[in-house]
Protein backbone atom coordinates (compact mmCIF):
# COMPACT_ATOMS: atom_id res chain seq x y z
CA MET A 1 110.62 31.85 -79.77
CA ALA A 2 112.68 35.08 -80.82
CA LEU A 3 115.90 35.64 -79.53
CA ARG A 4 117.00 39.13 -79.17
CA GLY A 5 114.04 39.66 -82.08
CA VAL A 6 115.43 36.95 -84.54
CA TRP A 7 113.15 33.84 -85.01
CA GLN A 8 114.79 30.82 -84.50
CA LEU A 9 113.15 28.18 -86.93
CA LYS A 10 113.75 28.19 -90.24
CA LYS A 11 112.01 25.60 -91.61
CA LEU A 12 109.49 23.50 -90.68
CA VAL A 13 109.11 20.23 -92.40
CA VAL A 14 105.92 18.15 -92.82
CA SER A 15 106.22 14.78 -93.47
CA TYR A 16 103.06 12.62 -94.66
CA CYS A 17 101.35 9.74 -96.29
CA ASP A 18 98.60 10.19 -98.68
CA TRP A 19 96.73 6.88 -98.19
CA GLY A 20 97.84 5.97 -94.32
CA GLY A 21 95.15 6.47 -91.95
CA SER A 22 97.86 7.61 -89.65
CA SER A 23 98.14 10.60 -91.39
CA ARG A 24 94.17 11.88 -91.74
CA GLY A 25 94.85 13.92 -89.24
CA ILE A 26 97.75 15.98 -90.94
CA ARG A 27 95.93 16.01 -94.55
CA ALA A 28 93.42 17.67 -92.34
CA PHE A 29 95.11 20.33 -91.14
CA MET A 30 96.94 20.62 -94.42
CA GLU A 31 94.38 21.36 -96.21
CA SER A 32 92.17 23.94 -93.16
CA GLN A 33 95.03 25.32 -90.91
CA MET A 34 98.23 25.17 -93.14
CA PRO A 35 97.30 27.90 -95.10
CA ALA A 36 97.22 29.73 -92.25
CA PHE A 37 99.54 29.36 -90.70
CA LYS A 38 101.85 29.68 -92.91
CA GLU A 39 100.33 33.08 -93.33
CA LYS A 40 100.98 34.27 -89.77
CA ASN A 41 104.64 33.16 -90.39
CA PRO A 42 105.91 34.73 -93.14
CA GLN A 43 109.65 34.26 -91.82
CA LEU A 44 109.39 30.41 -91.64
CA GLU A 45 109.78 28.05 -94.62
CA VAL A 46 106.88 25.52 -94.61
CA VAL A 47 107.96 22.44 -96.93
CA THR A 48 105.59 19.21 -97.31
CA GLU A 49 106.69 15.95 -97.76
CA LEU A 50 105.24 12.90 -99.20
CA ASN A 51 106.44 10.07 -97.60
CA ARG A 52 104.07 6.70 -98.47
CA GLY A 53 103.55 4.15 -95.62
CA GLN A 54 105.02 5.79 -92.97
CA HIS A 55 104.05 7.40 -89.69
CA PRO A 56 103.55 11.67 -90.25
CA TYR A 57 105.99 13.32 -87.90
CA LEU A 58 107.39 17.45 -88.09
CA LYS A 59 110.66 18.62 -88.53
CA GLY A 60 112.18 21.84 -87.12
CA PHE A 61 115.41 23.26 -88.19
CA TYR A 62 116.44 25.48 -86.50
CA LYS A 63 119.39 28.50 -87.05
CA SER A 64 121.86 26.80 -84.49
CA ASN A 65 122.00 23.71 -87.15
CA ASN A 66 119.85 21.75 -84.59
CA ASN A 67 116.62 19.93 -85.66
CA ARG A 68 113.79 18.46 -83.75
CA VAL A 69 111.36 15.66 -85.07
CA VAL A 70 107.77 15.29 -83.39
CA CYS A 71 105.93 12.31 -83.95
CA VAL A 72 101.93 13.57 -85.46
CA LYS A 73 100.31 10.14 -85.88
CA ASN A 74 96.90 9.52 -85.38
CA MET A 75 96.49 13.24 -83.36
CA ASP A 76 94.10 16.29 -84.18
CA PRO A 77 94.59 18.94 -86.81
CA GLU A 78 94.30 21.52 -83.54
CA GLU A 79 97.17 19.20 -81.68
CA ILE A 80 98.74 19.42 -84.67
CA HIS A 81 98.82 23.12 -85.15
CA SER A 82 99.60 22.93 -81.38
CA CYS A 83 102.81 21.23 -81.99
CA ALA A 84 103.65 23.03 -85.33
CA THR A 85 103.16 26.29 -82.44
CA ARG A 86 105.70 24.71 -80.70
CA LEU A 87 108.18 24.13 -82.26
CA ARG A 88 108.67 27.61 -83.65
CA ASN A 89 108.41 28.91 -80.39
CA SER A 90 110.81 26.77 -79.13
CA LEU A 91 115.01 27.87 -79.25
CA GLY A 92 116.03 24.87 -80.57
CA ARG A 93 118.31 23.95 -78.16
CA LYS A 94 119.04 20.23 -76.39
CA VAL A 95 117.11 19.53 -73.68
CA VAL A 96 119.47 19.39 -70.51
CA LYS A 97 118.42 17.13 -67.39
CA LEU A 98 118.14 19.56 -64.54
CA ARG A 99 120.58 17.76 -61.51
CA THR A 100 118.95 18.05 -57.98
CA ARG A 101 121.03 18.33 -54.89
CA HIS A 102 120.96 15.13 -53.04
CA VAL A 103 118.56 14.97 -49.65
CA THR A 104 119.44 13.28 -47.27
CA LYS A 105 118.25 13.06 -43.37
CA ASN A 106 121.96 12.38 -41.74
CA PRO A 107 124.36 15.42 -43.77
CA SER A 108 127.61 14.71 -44.10
CA VAL A 109 129.99 16.30 -40.82
CA GLN A 110 133.11 15.86 -43.00
CA VAL A 111 135.33 19.39 -42.32
CA ASN A 112 137.01 20.99 -45.82
CA ILE A 113 140.51 21.15 -45.16
CA SER A 114 142.89 22.43 -47.61
CA LEU A 115 146.47 20.82 -48.34
CA GLU A 116 148.47 23.63 -46.71
CA SER A 117 146.37 23.52 -42.85
CA VAL A 118 147.04 19.40 -43.36
CA VAL A 119 150.84 20.44 -43.68
CA GLU A 120 150.84 22.96 -40.43
CA LEU A 121 149.33 20.39 -38.24
CA TYR A 122 151.65 17.54 -39.29
CA PHE A 123 154.50 20.00 -38.60
CA GLU A 124 153.11 21.15 -35.46
CA LYS A 125 152.70 18.38 -33.88
CA ALA A 126 155.95 16.46 -35.01
CA LEU A 127 157.76 19.82 -33.20
CA SER A 128 155.49 19.69 -29.85
CA PHE A 129 156.13 15.78 -29.94
CA LYS A 130 160.22 16.84 -30.59
CA SER A 131 160.27 18.86 -27.26
CA LYS A 132 158.50 16.47 -25.50
CA ALA A 133 160.63 13.57 -25.68
CA PRO A 134 162.73 12.31 -22.98
CA GLY A 135 166.59 13.54 -22.43
CA ALA A 136 165.93 16.36 -25.81
CA ASN A 137 166.53 18.92 -22.68
CA ALA A 138 169.57 17.32 -21.33
CA ARG A 139 171.85 16.49 -25.05
CA SER A 140 171.25 20.12 -25.64
CA GLU A 141 172.28 21.64 -22.46
CA HIS A 142 175.74 19.63 -22.99
CA GLY A 143 176.60 20.36 -26.42
CA ASN A 144 175.40 16.81 -27.93
CA THR A 145 173.94 16.16 -31.00
């Protein structure tokens, strides 16, 4: 995908085995569909890599210094073409799990109280308790402390 008109996929590495059966589809893809894919995407550097005895994969390198690997073992050439197109169209960002809100049948009824309001309530109760104390007014009238 192009971000502000710039394609994000820089390089696509096609890794395959020339002998293994799981690479049959990617070998057919390289013969039939890869030349057309290269022509349609001149901004993309496509490199083939021979890895004997290993399963085939596509590896995309992005401008954000991230890379993505897609295993294409036992896939048809059409499926491999769609995987290569999907790598080209993605931005290369890491996948982040979206967090969903917690849904409950019994919602919380807690009140959001700030520290200032708690201190204010404490001092109001302390003052009201002091004024209701027995003999508080009598002492103040006589001047005793």
